[in-house]
PDB file of N, CA and C in Angstrom:
ATOM      1  N   UNK A   1     -10.348  -3.093 -13.653  1.00  0.00           N
ATOM      2  CA  UNK A   1     -10.767  -2.291 -12.543  1.00  0.00           C
ATOM      3  C   UNK A   1     -12.189  -1.815 -12.785  1.00  0.00           C
ATOM      4  N   UNK A   2     -13.046  -2.062 -11.850  1.00  0.00           N
ATOM      5  CA  UNK A   2     -14.443  -1.696 -12.002  1.00  0.00           C
ATOM      6  C   UNK A   2     -14.640  -0.186 -11.836  1.00  0.00           C
ATOM      7  N   UNK A   3     -14.136   0.371 -10.761  1.00  0.00           N
ATOM      8  CA  UNK A   3     -14.267   1.808 -10.553  1.00  0.00           C
ATOM      9  C   UNK A   3     -13.273   2.275  -9.494  1.00  0.00           C
ATOM     10  N   UNK A   4     -13.267   3.563  -9.290  1.00  0.00           N
ATOM     11  CA  UNK A   4     -12.325   4.170  -8.354  1.00  0.00           C
ATOM     12  C   UNK A   4     -12.598   3.732  -6.919  1.00  0.00           C
ATOM     13  N   UNK A   5     -13.846   3.564  -6.567  1.00  0.00           N
ATOM     14  CA  UNK A   5     -14.194   3.137  -5.207  1.00  0.00           C
ATOM     15  C   UNK A   5     -13.606   1.764  -4.900  1.00  0.00           C
ATOM     16  N   UNK A   6     -13.670   0.839  -5.873  1.00  0.00           N
ATOM     17  CA  UNK A   6     -13.111  -0.494  -5.686  1.00  0.00           C
ATOM     18  C   UNK A   6     -11.597  -0.426  -5.514  1.00  0.00           C
ATOM     19  N   UNK A   7     -10.949   0.441  -6.285  1.00  0.00           N
ATOM     20  CA  UNK A   7      -9.495   0.599  -6.174  1.00  0.00           C
ATOM     21  C   UNK A   7      -9.110   1.113  -4.785  1.00  0.00           C
ATOM     22  N   UNK A   8      -9.845   2.075  -4.276  1.00  0.00           N
ATOM     23  CA  UNK A   8      -9.552   2.613  -2.945  1.00  0.00           C
ATOM     24  C   UNK A   8      -9.782   1.559  -1.860  1.00  0.00           C
ATOM     25  N   UNK A   9     -10.816   0.746  -2.029  1.00  0.00           N
ATOM     26  CA  UNK A   9     -11.050  -0.330  -1.068  1.00  0.00           C
ATOM     27  C   UNK A   9      -9.920  -1.341  -1.096  1.00  0.00           C
ATOM     28  N   UNK A  10      -9.390  -1.618  -2.272  1.00  0.00           N
ATOM     29  CA  UNK A  10      -8.277  -2.552  -2.373  1.00  0.00           C
ATOM     30  C   UNK A  10      -7.019  -1.988  -1.708  1.00  0.00           C
ATOM     31  N   UNK A  11      -6.784  -0.703  -1.884  1.00  0.00           N
ATOM     32  CA  UNK A  11      -5.646  -0.057  -1.215  1.00  0.00           C
ATOM     33  C   UNK A  11      -5.799  -0.187   0.295  1.00  0.00           C
ATOM     34  N   UNK A  12      -6.987   0.116   0.807  1.00  0.00           N
ATOM     35  CA  UNK A  12      -7.232   0.020   2.243  1.00  0.00           C
ATOM     36  C   UNK A  12      -7.109  -1.422   2.738  1.00  0.00           C
ATOM     37  N   UNK A  13      -7.590  -2.370   1.947  1.00  0.00           N
ATOM     38  CA  UNK A  13      -7.502  -3.778   2.337  1.00  0.00           C
ATOM     39  C   UNK A  13      -6.047  -4.205   2.467  1.00  0.00           C
ATOM     40  N   UNK A  14      -5.223  -3.825   1.504  1.00  0.00           N
ATOM     41  CA  UNK A  14      -3.808  -4.208   1.567  1.00  0.00           C
ATOM     42  C   UNK A  14      -3.123  -3.563   2.769  1.00  0.00           C
ATOM     43  N   UNK A  15      -3.475  -2.318   3.076  1.00  0.00           N
ATOM     44  CA  UNK A  15      -2.904  -1.668   4.252  1.00  0.00           C
ATOM     45  C   UNK A  15      -3.362  -2.358   5.529  1.00  0.00           C
ATOM     46  N   UNK A  16      -4.615  -2.751   5.592  1.00  0.00           N
ATOM     47  CA  UNK A  16      -5.125  -3.449   6.777  1.00  0.00           C
ATOM     48  C   UNK A  16      -4.402  -4.773   6.983  1.00  0.00           C
ATOM     49  N   UNK A  17      -4.174  -5.510   5.912  1.00  0.00           N
ATOM     50  CA  UNK A  17      -3.446  -6.775   6.010  1.00  0.00           C
ATOM     51  C   UNK A  17      -2.014  -6.542   6.491  1.00  0.00           C
ATOM     52  N   UNK A  18      -1.390  -5.494   5.972  1.00  0.00           N
ATOM     53  CA  UNK A  18      -0.034  -5.178   6.387  1.00  0.00           C
ATOM     54  C   UNK A  18      -0.005  -4.765   7.860  1.00  0.00           C
ATOM     55  N   UNK A  19      -0.955  -3.942   8.272  1.00  0.00           N
ATOM     56  CA  UNK A  19      -1.006  -3.499   9.668  1.00  0.00           C
ATOM     57  C   UNK A  19      -1.253  -4.692  10.598  1.00  0.00           C
ATOM     58  N   UNK A  20      -2.111  -5.614  10.186  1.00  0.00           N
ATOM     59  CA  UNK A  20      -2.358  -6.803  10.996  1.00  0.00           C
ATOM     60  C   UNK A  20      -1.078  -7.617  11.159  1.00  0.00           C
ATOM     61  N   UNK A  21      -0.346  -7.813  10.068  1.00  0.00           N
ATOM     62  CA  UNK A  21       0.916  -8.552  10.154  1.00  0.00           C
ATOM     63  C   UNK A  21       1.923  -7.825  11.036  1.00  0.00           C
ATOM     64  N   UNK A  22       1.920  -6.500  10.976  1.00  0.00           N
ATOM     65  CA  UNK A  22       2.826  -5.726  11.833  1.00  0.00           C
ATOM     66  C   UNK A  22       2.461  -5.902  13.308  1.00  0.00           C
ATOM     67  N   UNK A  23       1.177  -5.884  13.617  1.00  0.00           N
ATOM     68  CA  UNK A  23       0.755  -6.080  15.006  1.00  0.00           C
ATOM     69  C   UNK A  23       1.136  -7.474  15.493  1.00  0.00           C
ATOM     70  N   UNK A  24       0.999  -8.459  14.640  1.00  0.00           N
ATOM     71  CA  UNK A  24       1.398  -9.821  15.010  1.00  0.00           C
ATOM     72  C   UNK A  24       2.906  -9.895  15.226  1.00  0.00           C
ATOM     73  N   UNK A  25       3.668  -9.200  14.404  1.00  0.00           N
ATOM     74  CA  UNK A  25       5.125  -9.192  14.556  1.00  0.00           C
ATOM     75  C   UNK A  25       5.511  -8.544  15.883  1.00  0.00           C
ATOM     76  N   UNK A  26       4.837  -7.476  16.257  1.00  0.00           N
ATOM     77  CA  UNK A  26       5.113  -6.823  17.541  1.00  0.00           C
ATOM     78  C   UNK A  26       4.743  -7.747  18.691  1.00  0.00           C
ATOM     79  N   UNK A  27       3.651  -8.464  18.555  1.00  0.00           N
ATOM     80  CA  UNK A  27       3.223  -9.391  19.596  1.00  0.00           C
ATOM     81  C   UNK A  27       4.232 -10.515  19.771  1.00  0.00           C
ATOM     82  N   UNK A  28       4.756 -11.031  18.662  1.00  0.00           N
ATOM     83  CA  UNK A  28       5.683 -12.160  18.720  1.00  0.00           C
ATOM     84  C   UNK A  28       7.089 -11.707  19.120  1.00  0.00           C
ATOM     85  N   UNK A  29       7.514 -10.554  18.597  1.00  0.00           N
ATOM     86  CA  UNK A  29       8.854 -10.050  18.890  1.00  0.00           C
ATOM     87  C   UNK A  29       8.769  -8.607  19.395  1.00  0.00           C
ATOM     88  N   UNK A  30       8.479  -8.426  20.662  1.00  0.00           N
ATOM     89  CA  UNK A  30       8.309  -7.061  21.177  1.00  0.00           C
ATOM     90  C   UNK A  30       9.597  -6.236  21.164  1.00  0.00           C
ATOM     91  N   UNK A  31      10.744  -6.881  21.065  1.00  0.00           N
ATOM     92  CA  UNK A  31      12.001  -6.134  21.053  1.00  0.00           C
ATOM     93  C   UNK A  31      12.227  -5.407  19.725  1.00  0.00           C
ATOM     94  N   UNK A  32      11.462  -5.726  18.695  1.00  0.00           N
ATOM     95  CA  UNK A  32      11.618  -5.078  17.388  1.00  0.00           C
ATOM     96  C   UNK A  32      10.456  -4.122  17.089  1.00  0.00           C
ATOM     97  N   UNK A  33       9.852  -3.630  18.145  1.00  0.00           N
ATOM     98  CA  UNK A  33       8.667  -2.785  17.986  1.00  0.00           C
ATOM     99  C   UNK A  33       8.962  -1.502  17.215  1.00  0.00           C
ATOM    100  N   UNK A  34      10.080  -0.844  17.501  1.00  0.00           N
ATOM    101  CA  UNK A  34      10.402   0.424  16.838  1.00  0.00           C
ATOM    102  C   UNK A  34      10.537   0.246  15.333  1.00  0.00           C
ATOM    103  N   UNK A  35      11.224  -0.802  14.915  1.00  0.00           N
ATOM    104  CA  UNK A  35      11.413  -1.041  13.486  1.00  0.00           C
ATOM    105  C   UNK A  35      10.088  -1.347  12.803  1.00  0.00           C
ATOM    106  N   UNK A  36       9.244  -2.106  13.467  1.00  0.00           N
ATOM    107  CA  UNK A  36       7.948  -2.458  12.881  1.00  0.00           C
ATOM    108  C   UNK A  36       7.042  -1.232  12.801  1.00  0.00           C
ATOM    109  N   UNK A  37       7.093  -0.382  13.799  1.00  0.00           N
ATOM    110  CA  UNK A  37       6.283   0.837  13.783  1.00  0.00           C
ATOM    111  C   UNK A  37       6.732   1.753  12.637  1.00  0.00           C
ATOM    112  N   UNK A  38       8.029   1.822  12.376  1.00  0.00           N
ATOM    113  CA  UNK A  38       8.520   2.610  11.236  1.00  0.00           C
ATOM    114  C   UNK A  38       7.962   2.060   9.923  1.00  0.00           C
ATOM    115  N   UNK A  39       7.910   0.743   9.808  1.00  0.00           N
ATOM    116  CA  UNK A  39       7.336   0.131   8.610  1.00  0.00           C
ATOM    117  C   UNK A  39       5.847   0.438   8.501  1.00  0.00           C
ATOM    118  N   UNK A  40       5.156   0.449   9.624  1.00  0.00           N
ATOM    119  CA  UNK A  40       3.735   0.797   9.603  1.00  0.00           C
ATOM    120  C   UNK A  40       3.539   2.239   9.133  1.00  0.00           C
ATOM    121  N   UNK A  41       4.414   3.145   9.560  1.00  0.00           N
ATOM    122  CA  UNK A  41       4.325   4.528   9.116  1.00  0.00           C
ATOM    123  C   UNK A  41       4.565   4.633   7.614  1.00  0.00           C
ATOM    124  N   UNK A  42       5.511   3.833   7.106  1.00  0.00           N
ATOM    125  CA  UNK A  42       5.740   3.805   5.657  1.00  0.00           C
ATOM    126  C   UNK A  42       4.501   3.293   4.928  1.00  0.00           C
ATOM    127  N   UNK A  43       3.826   2.325   5.514  1.00  0.00           N
ATOM    128  CA  UNK A  43       2.605   1.799   4.916  1.00  0.00           C
ATOM    129  C   UNK A  43       1.518   2.855   4.822  1.00  0.00           C
ATOM    130  N   UNK A  44       1.373   3.641   5.868  1.00  0.00           N
ATOM    131  CA  UNK A  44       0.361   4.703   5.865  1.00  0.00           C
ATOM    132  C   UNK A  44       0.733   5.784   4.849  1.00  0.00           C
ATOM    133  N   UNK A  45       2.016   6.121   4.766  1.00  0.00           N
ATOM    134  CA  UNK A  45       2.465   7.097   3.770  1.00  0.00           C
ATOM    135  C   UNK A  45       2.215   6.575   2.358  1.00  0.00           C
ATOM    136  N   UNK A  46       2.451   5.286   2.149  1.00  0.00           N
ATOM    137  CA  UNK A  46       2.189   4.672   0.850  1.00  0.00           C
ATOM    138  C   UNK A  46       0.704   4.744   0.522  1.00  0.00           C
ATOM    139  N   UNK A  47      -0.136   4.445   1.483  1.00  0.00           N
ATOM    140  CA  UNK A  47      -1.587   4.514   1.272  1.00  0.00           C
ATOM    141  C   UNK A  47      -2.006   5.916   0.873  1.00  0.00           C
ATOM    142  N   UNK A  48      -1.487   6.927   1.570  1.00  0.00           N
ATOM    143  CA  UNK A  48      -1.841   8.309   1.253  1.00  0.00           C
ATOM    144  C   UNK A  48      -1.362   8.695  -0.147  1.00  0.00           C
ATOM    145  N   UNK A  49      -0.164   8.251  -0.516  1.00  0.00           N
ATOM    146  CA  UNK A  49       0.367   8.553  -1.849  1.00  0.00           C
ATOM    147  C   UNK A  49      -0.467   7.868  -2.933  1.00  0.00           C
ATOM    148  N   UNK A  50      -0.876   6.626  -2.690  1.00  0.00           N
ATOM    149  CA  UNK A  50      -1.691   5.913  -3.665  1.00  0.00           C
ATOM    150  C   UNK A  50      -3.068   6.559  -3.810  1.00  0.00           C
ATOM    151  N   UNK A  51      -3.639   7.005  -2.695  1.00  0.00           N
ATOM    152  CA  UNK A  51      -4.926   7.709  -2.765  1.00  0.00           C
ATOM    153  C   UNK A  51      -4.795   8.991  -3.584  1.00  0.00           C
ATOM    154  N   UNK A  52      -3.698   9.707  -3.371  1.00  0.00           N
ATOM    155  CA  UNK A  52      -3.482  10.943  -4.118  1.00  0.00           C
ATOM    156  C   UNK A  52      -3.370  10.652  -5.612  1.00  0.00           C
ATOM    157  N   UNK A  53      -2.620   9.603  -5.959  1.00  0.00           N
ATOM    158  CA  UNK A  53      -2.491   9.228  -7.369  1.00  0.00           C
ATOM    159  C   UNK A  53      -3.832   8.780  -7.941  1.00  0.00           C
ATOM    160  N   UNK A  54      -4.614   8.069  -7.151  1.00  0.00           N
ATOM    161  CA  UNK A  54      -5.905   7.584  -7.636  1.00  0.00           C
ATOM    162  C   UNK A  54      -6.876   8.735  -7.873  1.00  0.00           C
ATOM    163  N   UNK A  55      -6.836   9.730  -7.032  1.00  0.00           N
ATOM    164  CA  UNK A  55      -7.763  10.851  -7.155  1.00  0.00           C
ATOM    165  C   UNK A  55      -7.345  11.881  -8.196  1.00  0.00           C
ATOM    166  N   UNK A  56      -6.082  11.822  -8.639  1.00  0.00           N
ATOM    167  CA  UNK A  56      -5.574  12.845  -9.549  1.00  0.00           C
ATOM    168  C   UNK A  56      -4.876  12.234 -10.758  1.00  0.00           C
ATOM    169  N   UNK A  57      -5.628  11.669 -11.698  1.00  0.00           N
ATOM    170  CA  UNK A  57      -4.980  11.170 -12.919  1.00  0.00           C
ATOM    171  C   UNK A  57      -4.421  12.337 -13.733  1.00  0.00           C
ATOM    172  N   UNK A  58      -3.399  12.059 -14.545  1.00  0.00           N
ATOM    173  CA  UNK A  58      -2.712  13.117 -15.292  1.00  0.00           C
ATOM    174  C   UNK A  58      -3.647  13.820 -16.277  1.00  0.00           C
ATOM    175  N   UNK A  59      -4.330  13.074 -17.092  1.00  0.00           N
ATOM    176  CA  UNK A  59      -5.245  13.623 -18.096  1.00  0.00           C
ATOM    177  C   UNK A  59      -6.639  13.048 -17.883  1.00  0.00           C
ATOM    178  N   UNK A  60      -7.462  13.660 -17.037  1.00  0.00           N
ATOM    179  CA  UNK A  60      -8.769  13.070 -16.738  1.00  0.00           C
ATOM    180  C   UNK A  60      -9.733  13.019 -17.928  1.00  0.00           C
ATOM    181  N   UNK A  61      -9.489  13.788 -18.964  1.00  0.00           N
ATOM    182  CA  UNK A  61     -10.380  13.810 -20.124  1.00  0.00           C
ATOM    183  C   UNK A  61     -10.039  12.713 -21.146  1.00  0.00           C
ATOM    184  N   UNK A  62      -8.815  12.235 -21.145  1.00  0.00           N
ATOM    185  CA  UNK A  62      -8.367  11.239 -22.114  1.00  0.00           C
ATOM    186  C   UNK A  62      -8.533   9.845 -21.520  1.00  0.00           C
ATOM    187  N   UNK A  63      -9.517   9.087 -22.004  1.00  0.00           N
ATOM    188  CA  UNK A  63      -9.839   7.778 -21.414  1.00  0.00           C
ATOM    189  C   UNK A  63      -8.683   6.798 -21.528  1.00  0.00           C
ATOM    190  N   UNK A  64      -7.977   6.829 -22.626  1.00  0.00           N
ATOM    191  CA  UNK A  64      -6.866   5.906 -22.840  1.00  0.00           C
ATOM    192  C   UNK A  64      -5.761   6.136 -21.806  1.00  0.00           C
ATOM    193  N   UNK A  65      -5.429   7.405 -21.595  1.00  0.00           N
ATOM    194  CA  UNK A  65      -4.389   7.723 -20.613  1.00  0.00           C
ATOM    195  C   UNK A  65      -4.852   7.430 -19.191  1.00  0.00           C
ATOM    196  N   UNK A  66      -6.119   7.620 -18.926  1.00  0.00           N
ATOM    197  CA  UNK A  66      -6.647   7.323 -17.594  1.00  0.00           C
ATOM    198  C   UNK A  66      -6.549   5.832 -17.312  1.00  0.00           C
ATOM    199  N   UNK A  67      -6.899   4.994 -18.291  1.00  0.00           N
ATOM    200  CA  UNK A  67      -6.783   3.542 -18.119  1.00  0.00           C
ATOM    201  C   UNK A  67      -5.335   3.138 -17.880  1.00  0.00           C
ATOM    202  N   UNK A  68      -4.423   3.726 -18.644  1.00  0.00           N
ATOM    203  CA  UNK A  68      -2.995   3.422 -18.454  1.00  0.00           C
ATOM    204  C   UNK A  68      -2.528   3.884 -17.074  1.00  0.00           C
ATOM    205  N   UNK A  69      -3.028   5.034 -16.644  1.00  0.00           N
ATOM    206  CA  UNK A  69      -2.657   5.564 -15.333  1.00  0.00           C
ATOM    207  C   UNK A  69      -3.088   4.599 -14.222  1.00  0.00           C
ATOM    208  N   UNK A  70      -4.319   4.119 -14.296  1.00  0.00           N
ATOM    209  CA  UNK A  70      -4.815   3.221 -13.245  1.00  0.00           C
ATOM    210  C   UNK A  70      -4.168   1.842 -13.327  1.00  0.00           C
ATOM    211  N   UNK A  71      -3.825   1.384 -14.514  1.00  0.00           N
ATOM    212  CA  UNK A  71      -3.108   0.114 -14.636  1.00  0.00           C
ATOM    213  C   UNK A  71      -1.722   0.232 -14.003  1.00  0.00           C
ATOM    214  N   UNK A  72      -1.053   1.349 -14.263  1.00  0.00           N
ATOM    215  CA  UNK A  72       0.257   1.581 -13.651  1.00  0.00           C
ATOM    216  C   UNK A  72       0.120   1.725 -12.133  1.00  0.00           C
ATOM    217  N   UNK A  73      -0.945   2.359 -11.684  1.00  0.00           N
ATOM    218  CA  UNK A  73      -1.178   2.519 -10.253  1.00  0.00           C
ATOM    219  C   UNK A  73      -1.368   1.166  -9.571  1.00  0.00           C
ATOM    220  N   UNK A  74      -2.112   0.269 -10.209  1.00  0.00           N
ATOM    221  CA  UNK A  74      -2.322  -1.068  -9.636  1.00  0.00           C
ATOM    222  C   UNK A  74      -0.996  -1.841  -9.561  1.00  0.00           C
ATOM    223  N   UNK A  75      -0.183  -1.746 -10.606  1.00  0.00           N
ATOM    224  CA  UNK A  75       1.130  -2.408 -10.578  1.00  0.00           C
ATOM    225  C   UNK A  75       2.003  -1.825  -9.475  1.00  0.00           C
ATOM    226  N   UNK A  76       2.014  -0.508  -9.369  1.00  0.00           N
ATOM    227  CA  UNK A  76       2.800   0.164  -8.338  1.00  0.00           C
ATOM    228  C   UNK A  76       2.328  -0.236  -6.948  1.00  0.00           C
ATOM    229  N   UNK A  77       1.018  -0.330  -6.766  1.00  0.00           N
ATOM    230  CA  UNK A  77       0.457  -0.730  -5.482  1.00  0.00           C
ATOM    231  C   UNK A  77       0.912  -2.142  -5.111  1.00  0.00           C
ATOM    232  N   UNK A  78       0.818  -3.059  -6.048  1.00  0.00           N
ATOM    233  CA  UNK A  78       1.196  -4.444  -5.770  1.00  0.00           C
ATOM    234  C   UNK A  78       2.681  -4.548  -5.443  1.00  0.00           C
ATOM    235  N   UNK A  79       3.519  -3.861  -6.214  1.00  0.00           N
ATOM    236  CA  UNK A  79       4.961  -3.910  -5.973  1.00  0.00           C
ATOM    237  C   UNK A  79       5.338  -3.245  -4.652  1.00  0.00           C
ATOM    238  N   UNK A  80       4.710  -2.133  -4.356  1.00  0.00           N
ATOM    239  CA  UNK A  80       5.045  -1.398  -3.131  1.00  0.00           C
ATOM    240  C   UNK A  80       4.661  -2.178  -1.883  1.00  0.00           C
ATOM    241  N   UNK A  81       3.456  -2.748  -1.880  1.00  0.00           N
ATOM    242  CA  UNK A  81       3.053  -3.518  -0.709  1.00  0.00           C
ATOM    243  C   UNK A  81       3.857  -4.811  -0.601  1.00  0.00           C
ATOM    244  N   UNK A  82       4.226  -5.412  -1.723  1.00  0.00           N
ATOM    245  CA  UNK A  82       5.084  -6.600  -1.667  1.00  0.00           C
ATOM    246  C   UNK A  82       6.437  -6.244  -1.061  1.00  0.00           C
ATOM    247  N   UNK A  83       6.941  -5.066  -1.401  1.00  0.00           N
ATOM    248  CA  UNK A  83       8.191  -4.605  -0.807  1.00  0.00           C
ATOM    249  C   UNK A  83       8.078  -4.385   0.688  1.00  0.00           C
ATOM    250  N   UNK A  84       6.950  -3.825   1.124  1.00  0.00           N
ATOM    251  CA  UNK A  84       6.743  -3.620   2.561  1.00  0.00           C
ATOM    252  C   UNK A  84       6.669  -4.956   3.305  1.00  0.00           C
ATOM    253  N   UNK A  85       5.966  -5.925   2.722  1.00  0.00           N
ATOM    254  CA  UNK A  85       5.902  -7.240   3.357  1.00  0.00           C
ATOM    255  C   UNK A  85       7.283  -7.890   3.407  1.00  0.00           C
ATOM    256  N   UNK A  86       8.090  -7.690   2.370  1.00  0.00           N
ATOM    257  CA  UNK A  86       9.451  -8.233   2.358  1.00  0.00           C
ATOM    258  C   UNK A  86      10.294  -7.566   3.435  1.00  0.00           C
ATOM    259  N   UNK A  87      10.140  -6.254   3.594  1.00  0.00           N
ATOM    260  CA  UNK A  87      10.870  -5.541   4.646  1.00  0.00           C
ATOM    261  C   UNK A  87      10.461  -6.028   6.029  1.00  0.00           C
ATOM    262  N   UNK A  88       9.179  -6.266   6.207  1.00  0.00           N
ATOM    263  CA  UNK A  88       8.692  -6.785   7.488  1.00  0.00           C
ATOM    264  C   UNK A  88       9.283  -8.168   7.768  1.00  0.00           C
ATOM    265  N   UNK A  89       9.337  -8.993   6.754  1.00  0.00           N
ATOM    266  CA  UNK A  89       9.932 -10.321   6.921  1.00  0.00           C
ATOM    267  C   UNK A  89      11.398 -10.228   7.281  1.00  0.00           C
ATOM    268  N   UNK A  90      12.103  -9.277   6.669  1.00  0.00           N
ATOM    269  CA  UNK A  90      13.530  -9.104   6.972  1.00  0.00           C
ATOM    270  C   UNK A  90      13.729  -8.632   8.415  1.00  0.00           C
ATOM    271  N   UNK A  91      12.860  -7.764   8.888  1.00  0.00           N
ATOM    272  CA  UNK A  91      12.961  -7.283  10.264  1.00  0.00           C
ATOM    273  C   UNK A  91      12.680  -8.408  11.261  1.00  0.00           C
ATOM    274  N   UNK A  92      11.779  -9.290  10.933  1.00  0.00           N
ATOM    275  CA  UNK A  92      11.344 -10.330  11.885  1.00  0.00           C
ATOM    276  C   UNK A  92      12.226 -11.574  11.867  1.00  0.00           C
ATOM    277  N   UNK A  93      13.226 -11.628  11.045  1.00  0.00           N
ATOM    278  CA  UNK A  93      14.084 -12.816  11.020  1.00  0.00           C
ATOM    279  C   UNK A  93      14.902 -12.953  12.277  1.00  0.00           C
TER     280      UNK A  93
END
């Protein structure tokens, strides 16, 4: 990870990709709009939670713990967004 700004941009990029897929799902299957909108709300809540975690590491003075914190945050981000995409796929079947 280069810096905090890059991490925040990556979080926003993943949310944008998810929102785009949600809009496409609504366009293709308008009868499932409510379920897709709920998933979009979960995506926004996830983004806000990830931003909060990114801005507030547990021990900001300890470099080793900060690196571990951001590595765990990146793993959590990847798993969480993968779960959201899986949920979207399940709704659109």
